[in-house]
Amino acid sequence: MPIYTFKCLRCGHIFDQRKSMLDNSLPLCEKCFSLTTEKIINPCTFILVGGGWSNDGYSNRINKEEKNR
């Protein structure tokens, strides 16, 4: 199950919770038990490393240019 980050609009508390992708309900705040929470979108931490990957995606353009020199 994915982990989602939520923020309470009442007290500002930020917390994570595991939820099914099919579950669209918003959780109670863990601190003040308010129903006014919203889902926060976090930046992706997926990083491609190793040969063959470039900064703009997964093209092999840089390696081909170096081989032609």
PDB file of N, CA and C in Angstrom:
ATOM      1  N   MET A   1       0.839  -1.184   0.000  1.00  0.00           N
ATOM      2  CA  MET A   1       0.000   0.000   0.000  1.00  0.00           C
ATOM      3  C   MET A   1       0.881   1.243   0.000  1.00  0.00           C
ATOM      4  N   PRO A   2       0.498   2.262  -0.761  1.00  0.00           N
ATOM      5  CA  PRO A   2       1.278   3.501  -0.782  1.00  0.00           C
ATOM      6  C   PRO A   2       1.109   4.304   0.505  1.00  0.00           C
ATOM      7  N   ILE A   3       2.083   5.137   0.763  1.00  0.00           N
ATOM      8  CA  ILE A   3       2.039   6.032   1.920  1.00  0.00           C
ATOM      9  C   ILE A   3       1.724   7.433   1.411  1.00  0.00           C
ATOM     10  N   TYR A   4       0.696   8.045   1.977  1.00  0.00           N
ATOM     11  CA  TYR A   4       0.283   9.388   1.592  1.00  0.00           C
ATOM     12  C   TYR A   4       0.544  10.352   2.742  1.00  0.00           C
ATOM     13  N   THR A   5       0.809  11.610   2.414  1.00  0.00           N
ATOM     14  CA  THR A   5       1.024  12.655   3.406  1.00  0.00           C
ATOM     15  C   THR A   5      -0.204  13.550   3.438  1.00  0.00           C
ATOM     16  N   PHE A   6      -0.661  13.853   4.657  1.00  0.00           N
ATOM     17  CA  PHE A   6      -1.837  14.688   4.854  1.00  0.00           C
ATOM     18  C   PHE A   6      -1.491  15.859   5.755  1.00  0.00           C
ATOM     19  N   LYS A   7      -2.237  16.962   5.597  1.00  0.00           N
ATOM     20  CA  LYS A   7      -2.073  18.138   6.448  1.00  0.00           C
ATOM     21  C   LYS A   7      -3.432  18.514   7.014  1.00  0.00           C
ATOM     22  N   CYS A   8      -3.459  18.781   8.308  1.00  0.00           N
ATOM     23  CA  CYS A   8      -4.680  19.227   8.968  1.00  0.00           C
ATOM     24  C   CYS A   8      -4.853  20.723   8.713  1.00  0.00           C
ATOM     25  N   LEU A   9      -6.019  21.107   8.226  1.00  0.00           N
ATOM     26  CA  LEU A   9      -6.284  22.524   7.956  1.00  0.00           C
ATOM     27  C   LEU A   9      -6.620  23.294   9.229  1.00  0.00           C
ATOM     28  N   ARG A  10      -6.920  22.587  10.291  1.00  0.00           N
ATOM     29  CA  ARG A  10      -7.274  23.234  11.562  1.00  0.00           C
ATOM     30  C   ARG A  10      -6.036  23.557  12.400  1.00  0.00           C
ATOM     31  N   CYS A  11      -5.157  22.561  12.605  1.00  0.00           N
ATOM     32  CA  CYS A  11      -4.000  22.789  13.491  1.00  0.00           C
ATOM     33  C   CYS A  11      -2.662  22.810  12.741  1.00  0.00           C
ATOM     34  N   GLY A  12      -2.650  22.420  11.443  1.00  0.00           N
ATOM     35  CA  GLY A  12      -1.431  22.462  10.654  1.00  0.00           C
ATOM     36  C   GLY A  12      -0.542  21.243  10.794  1.00  0.00           C
ATOM     37  N   HIS A  13      -0.985  20.233  11.537  1.00  0.00           N
ATOM     38  CA  HIS A  13      -0.200  19.016  11.741  1.00  0.00           C
ATOM     39  C   HIS A  13      -0.062  18.250  10.420  1.00  0.00           C
ATOM     40  N   ILE A  14       1.157  17.795  10.108  1.00  0.00           N
ATOM     41  CA  ILE A  14       1.425  17.014   8.897  1.00  0.00           C
ATOM     42  C   ILE A  14       1.754  15.592   9.325  1.00  0.00           C
ATOM     43  N   PHE A  15       1.105  14.616   8.682  1.00  0.00           N
ATOM     44  CA  PHE A  15       1.310  13.217   9.065  1.00  0.00           C
ATOM     45  C   PHE A  15       1.187  12.317   7.846  1.00  0.00           C
ATOM     46  N   ASP A  16       1.784  11.138   7.941  1.00  0.00           N
ATOM     47  CA  ASP A  16       1.748  10.138   6.874  1.00  0.00           C
ATOM     48  C   ASP A  16       0.804   9.015   7.267  1.00  0.00           C
ATOM     49  N   GLN A  17       0.201   8.407   6.253  1.00  0.00           N
ATOM     50  CA  GLN A  17      -0.701   7.289   6.509  1.00  0.00           C
ATOM     51  C   GLN A  17      -0.709   6.355   5.308  1.00  0.00           C
ATOM     52  N   ARG A  18      -0.687   5.053   5.584  1.00  0.00           N
ATOM     53  CA  ARG A  18      -0.819   4.047   4.531  1.00  0.00           C
ATOM     54  C   ARG A  18      -2.281   3.882   4.184  1.00  0.00           C
ATOM     55  N   LYS A  19      -2.573   3.988   2.893  1.00  0.00           N
ATOM     56  CA  LYS A  19      -3.954   3.841   2.444  1.00  0.00           C
ATOM     57  C   LYS A  19      -3.960   3.102   1.119  1.00  0.00           C
ATOM     58  N   SER A  20      -5.033   2.397   0.877  1.00  0.00           N
ATOM     59  CA  SER A  20      -5.226   1.753  -0.405  1.00  0.00           C
ATOM     60  C   SER A  20      -5.409   2.827  -1.478  1.00  0.00           C
ATOM     61  N   MET A  21      -4.970   2.544  -2.685  1.00  0.00           N
ATOM     62  CA  MET A  21      -5.140   3.495  -3.782  1.00  0.00           C
ATOM     63  C   MET A  21      -6.625   3.704  -4.105  1.00  0.00           C
ATOM     64  N   LEU A  22      -7.453   2.756  -3.751  1.00  0.00           N
ATOM     65  CA  LEU A  22      -8.890   2.853  -4.017  1.00  0.00           C
ATOM     66  C   LEU A  22      -9.641   3.615  -2.930  1.00  0.00           C
ATOM     67  N   ASP A  23      -8.994   3.861  -1.787  1.00  0.00           N
ATOM     68  CA  ASP A  23      -9.624   4.549  -0.657  1.00  0.00           C
ATOM     69  C   ASP A  23      -9.458   6.059  -0.829  1.00  0.00           C
ATOM     70  N   ASN A  24     -10.553   6.751  -1.157  1.00  0.00           N
ATOM     71  CA  ASN A  24     -10.500   8.200  -1.377  1.00  0.00           C
ATOM     72  C   ASN A  24     -10.871   9.008  -0.139  1.00  0.00           C
ATOM     73  N   SER A  25     -11.154   8.345   0.974  1.00  0.00           N
ATOM     74  CA  SER A  25     -11.563   9.068   2.175  1.00  0.00           C
ATOM     75  C   SER A  25     -10.368   9.787   2.801  1.00  0.00           C
ATOM     76  N   LEU A  26     -10.664  10.914   3.449  1.00  0.00           N
ATOM     77  CA  LEU A  26      -9.620  11.666   4.143  1.00  0.00           C
ATOM     78  C   LEU A  26      -9.593  11.232   5.605  1.00  0.00           C
ATOM     79  N   PRO A  27      -8.409  11.050   6.186  1.00  0.00           N
ATOM     80  CA  PRO A  27      -8.318  10.580   7.572  1.00  0.00           C
ATOM     81  C   PRO A  27      -8.534  11.692   8.586  1.00  0.00           C
ATOM     82  N   LEU A  28      -8.757  11.292   9.815  1.00  0.00           N
ATOM     83  CA  LEU A  28      -8.797  12.236  10.931  1.00  0.00           C
ATOM     84  C   LEU A  28      -7.384  12.699  11.241  1.00  0.00           C
ATOM     85  N   CYS A  29      -7.246  13.938  11.702  1.00  0.00           N
ATOM     86  CA  CYS A  29      -5.951  14.435  12.148  1.00  0.00           C
ATOM     87  C   CYS A  29      -5.515  13.628  13.374  1.00  0.00           C
ATOM     88  N   GLU A  30      -4.263  13.227  13.395  1.00  0.00           N
ATOM     89  CA  GLU A  30      -3.747  12.435  14.523  1.00  0.00           C
ATOM     90  C   GLU A  30      -3.574  13.269  15.780  1.00  0.00           C
ATOM     91  N   LYS A  31      -3.500  14.595  15.630  1.00  0.00           N
ATOM     92  CA  LYS A  31      -3.240  15.463  16.779  1.00  0.00           C
ATOM     93  C   LYS A  31      -4.519  16.037  17.399  1.00  0.00           C
ATOM     94  N   CYS A  32      -5.402  16.613  16.546  1.00  0.00           N
ATOM     95  CA  CYS A  32      -6.616  17.259  17.084  1.00  0.00           C
ATOM     96  C   CYS A  32      -7.905  16.530  16.699  1.00  0.00           C
ATOM     97  N   PHE A  33      -7.793  15.429  15.941  1.00  0.00           N
ATOM     98  CA  PHE A  33      -8.921  14.596  15.522  1.00  0.00           C
ATOM     99  C   PHE A  33      -9.951  15.343  14.667  1.00  0.00           C
ATOM    100  N   SER A  34      -9.488  16.360  13.948  1.00  0.00           N
ATOM    101  CA  SER A  34     -10.355  17.121  13.065  1.00  0.00           C
ATOM    102  C   SER A  34     -10.580  16.363  11.756  1.00  0.00           C
ATOM    103  N   LEU A  35     -11.705  16.606  11.126  1.00  0.00           N
ATOM    104  CA  LEU A  35     -12.013  15.997   9.834  1.00  0.00           C
ATOM    105  C   LEU A  35     -11.509  16.835   8.659  1.00  0.00           C
ATOM    106  N   THR A  36     -10.965  18.004   8.937  1.00  0.00           N
ATOM    107  CA  THR A  36     -10.522  18.906   7.874  1.00  0.00           C
ATOM    108  C   THR A  36      -9.057  18.651   7.521  1.00  0.00           C
ATOM    109  N   THR A  37      -8.810  17.604   6.767  1.00  0.00           N
ATOM    110  CA  THR A  37      -7.459  17.281   6.309  1.00  0.00           C
ATOM    111  C   THR A  37      -7.429  17.322   4.788  1.00  0.00           C
ATOM    112  N   GLU A  38      -6.231  17.526   4.237  1.00  0.00           N
ATOM    113  CA  GLU A  38      -6.062  17.490   2.795  1.00  0.00           C
ATOM    114  C   GLU A  38      -4.808  16.696   2.451  1.00  0.00           C
ATOM    115  N   LYS A  39      -4.821  16.088   1.282  1.00  0.00           N
ATOM    116  CA  LYS A  39      -3.673  15.303   0.822  1.00  0.00           C
ATOM    117  C   LYS A  39      -2.620  16.254   0.263  1.00  0.00           C
ATOM    118  N   ILE A  40      -1.370  16.018   0.631  1.00  0.00           N
ATOM    119  CA  ILE A  40      -0.247  16.818   0.144  1.00  0.00           C
ATOM    120  C   ILE A  40       0.491  15.997  -0.904  1.00  0.00           C
ATOM    121  N   ILE A  41       0.869  16.633  -2.002  1.00  0.00           N
ATOM    122  CA  ILE A  41       1.633  15.948  -3.041  1.00  0.00           C
ATOM    123  C   ILE A  41       3.112  16.177  -2.766  1.00  0.00           C
ATOM    124  N   ASN A  42       3.835  15.088  -2.545  1.00  0.00           N
ATOM    125  CA  ASN A  42       5.272  15.161  -2.281  1.00  0.00           C
ATOM    126  C   ASN A  42       6.050  14.974  -3.569  1.00  0.00           C
ATOM    127  N   PRO A  43       7.250  15.564  -3.648  1.00  0.00           N
ATOM    128  CA  PRO A  43       8.081  15.322  -4.832  1.00  0.00           C
ATOM    129  C   PRO A  43       8.546  13.871  -4.870  1.00  0.00           C
ATOM    130  N   CYS A  44       8.739  13.377  -6.046  1.00  0.00           N
ATOM    131  CA  CYS A  44       9.159  11.989  -6.232  1.00  0.00           C
ATOM    132  C   CYS A  44      10.622  11.822  -5.818  1.00  0.00           C
ATOM    133  N   THR A  45      10.950  10.723  -5.160  1.00  0.00           N
ATOM    134  CA  THR A  45      12.325  10.460  -4.751  1.00  0.00           C
ATOM    135  C   THR A  45      12.964   9.382  -5.610  1.00  0.00           C
ATOM    136  N   PHE A  46      12.341   9.030  -6.725  1.00  0.00           N
ATOM    137  CA  PHE A  46      12.860   8.017  -7.627  1.00  0.00           C
ATOM    138  C   PHE A  46      14.004   8.610  -8.444  1.00  0.00           C
ATOM    139  N   ILE A  47      15.190   8.014  -8.368  1.00  0.00           N
ATOM    140  CA  ILE A  47      16.365   8.513  -9.071  1.00  0.00           C
ATOM    141  C   ILE A  47      16.967   7.378  -9.885  1.00  0.00           C
ATOM    142  N   LEU A  48      17.256   7.649 -11.151  1.00  0.00           N
ATOM    143  CA  LEU A  48      17.889   6.671 -12.022  1.00  0.00           C
ATOM    144  C   LEU A  48      19.400   6.863 -11.950  1.00  0.00           C
ATOM    145  N   VAL A  49      20.123   5.797 -11.647  1.00  0.00           N
ATOM    146  CA  VAL A  49      21.581   5.870 -11.571  1.00  0.00           C
ATOM    147  C   VAL A  49      22.196   4.783 -12.445  1.00  0.00           C
ATOM    148  N   GLY A  50      23.439   4.996 -12.814  1.00  0.00           N
ATOM    149  CA  GLY A  50      24.135   4.010 -13.640  1.00  0.00           C
ATOM    150  C   GLY A  50      24.276   4.479 -15.071  1.00  0.00           C
ATOM    151  N   GLY A  51      24.997   3.739 -15.860  1.00  0.00           N
ATOM    152  CA  GLY A  51      25.220   4.082 -17.253  1.00  0.00           C
ATOM    153  C   GLY A  51      23.965   3.947 -18.088  1.00  0.00           C
ATOM    154  N   GLY A  52      23.840   4.783 -19.106  1.00  0.00           N
ATOM    155  CA  GLY A  52      22.716   4.711 -20.003  1.00  0.00           C
ATOM    156  C   GLY A  52      21.573   5.634 -19.662  1.00  0.00           C
ATOM    157  N   TRP A  53      21.593   6.270 -18.498  1.00  0.00           N
ATOM    158  CA  TRP A  53      20.538   7.197 -18.106  1.00  0.00           C
ATOM    159  C   TRP A  53      21.076   8.613 -18.217  1.00  0.00           C
ATOM    160  N   SER A  54      20.261   9.528 -18.693  1.00  0.00           N
ATOM    161  CA  SER A  54      20.691  10.922 -18.773  1.00  0.00           C
ATOM    162  C   SER A  54      19.792  11.781 -17.905  1.00  0.00           C
ATOM    163  N   ASN A  55      20.129  13.056 -17.767  1.00  0.00           N
ATOM    164  CA  ASN A  55      19.384  13.952 -16.887  1.00  0.00           C
ATOM    165  C   ASN A  55      17.956  14.213 -17.358  1.00  0.00           C
ATOM    166  N   ASP A  56      17.712  14.128 -18.665  1.00  0.00           N
ATOM    167  CA  ASP A  56      16.393  14.463 -19.182  1.00  0.00           C
ATOM    168  C   ASP A  56      15.500  13.244 -19.396  1.00  0.00           C
ATOM    169  N   GLY A  57      15.822  12.138 -18.831  1.00  0.00           N
ATOM    170  CA  GLY A  57      15.006  10.945 -18.995  1.00  0.00           C
ATOM    171  C   GLY A  57      15.877   9.721 -19.123  1.00  0.00           C
ATOM    172  N   TYR A  58      15.582   8.894 -20.093  1.00  0.00           N
ATOM    173  CA  TYR A  58      16.361   7.673 -20.238  1.00  0.00           C
ATOM    174  C   TYR A  58      16.870   7.499 -21.651  1.00  0.00           C
ATOM    175  N   SER A  59      17.246   8.598 -22.270  1.00  0.00           N
ATOM    176  CA  SER A  59      17.824   8.503 -23.605  1.00  0.00           C
ATOM    177  C   SER A  59      19.307   8.172 -23.495  1.00  0.00           C
ATOM    178  N   ASN A  60      19.838   7.656 -24.543  1.00  0.00           N
ATOM    179  CA  ASN A  60      21.252   7.276 -24.585  1.00  0.00           C
ATOM    180  C   ASN A  60      22.007   8.223 -25.523  1.00  0.00           C
ATOM    181  N   ARG A  61      21.484   9.418 -25.713  1.00  0.00           N
ATOM    182  CA  ARG A  61      22.011  10.395 -26.656  1.00  0.00           C
ATOM    183  C   ARG A  61      23.459  10.784 -26.336  1.00  0.00           C
ATOM    184  N   ILE A  62      23.801  11.024 -25.096  1.00  0.00           N
ATOM    185  CA  ILE A  62      25.139  11.482 -24.720  1.00  0.00           C
ATOM    186  C   ILE A  62      26.177  10.405 -25.054  1.00  0.00           C
ATOM    187  N   ASN A  63      25.889   9.157 -24.730  1.00  0.00           N
ATOM    188  CA  ASN A  63      26.840   8.086 -24.986  1.00  0.00           C
ATOM    189  C   ASN A  63      27.054   7.887 -26.488  1.00  0.00           C
ATOM    190  N   LYS A  64      26.033   8.046 -27.314  1.00  0.00           N
ATOM    191  CA  LYS A  64      26.172   7.905 -28.759  1.00  0.00           C
ATOM    192  C   LYS A  64      27.048   9.007 -29.331  1.00  0.00           C
ATOM    193  N   GLU A  65      26.894  10.243 -28.822  1.00  0.00           N
ATOM    194  CA  GLU A  65      27.707  11.360 -29.307  1.00  0.00           C
ATOM    195  C   GLU A  65      29.175  11.164 -28.947  1.00  0.00           C
ATOM    196  N   GLU A  66      29.450  10.637 -27.761  1.00  0.00           N
ATOM    197  CA  GLU A  66      30.835  10.410 -27.348  1.00  0.00           C
ATOM    198  C   GLU A  66      31.487   9.322 -28.168  1.00  0.00           C
ATOM    199  N   LYS A  67      30.743   8.294 -28.568  1.00  0.00           N
ATOM    200  CA  LYS A  67      31.299   7.198 -29.356  1.00  0.00           C
ATOM    201  C   LYS A  67      31.627   7.648 -30.779  1.00  0.00           C
ATOM    202  N   ASN A  68      30.888   8.629 -31.318  1.00  0.00           N
ATOM    203  CA  ASN A  68      31.110   9.106 -32.682  1.00  0.00           C
ATOM    204  C   ASN A  68      32.312  10.023 -32.795  1.00  0.00           C
ATOM    205  N   ARG A  69      32.869  10.495 -31.730  1.00  0.00           N
ATOM    206  CA  ARG A  69      34.020  11.421 -31.765  1.00  0.00           C
ATOM    207  C   ARG A  69      35.291  10.733 -32.088  1.00  0.00           C
TER     208      ARG A  69
END
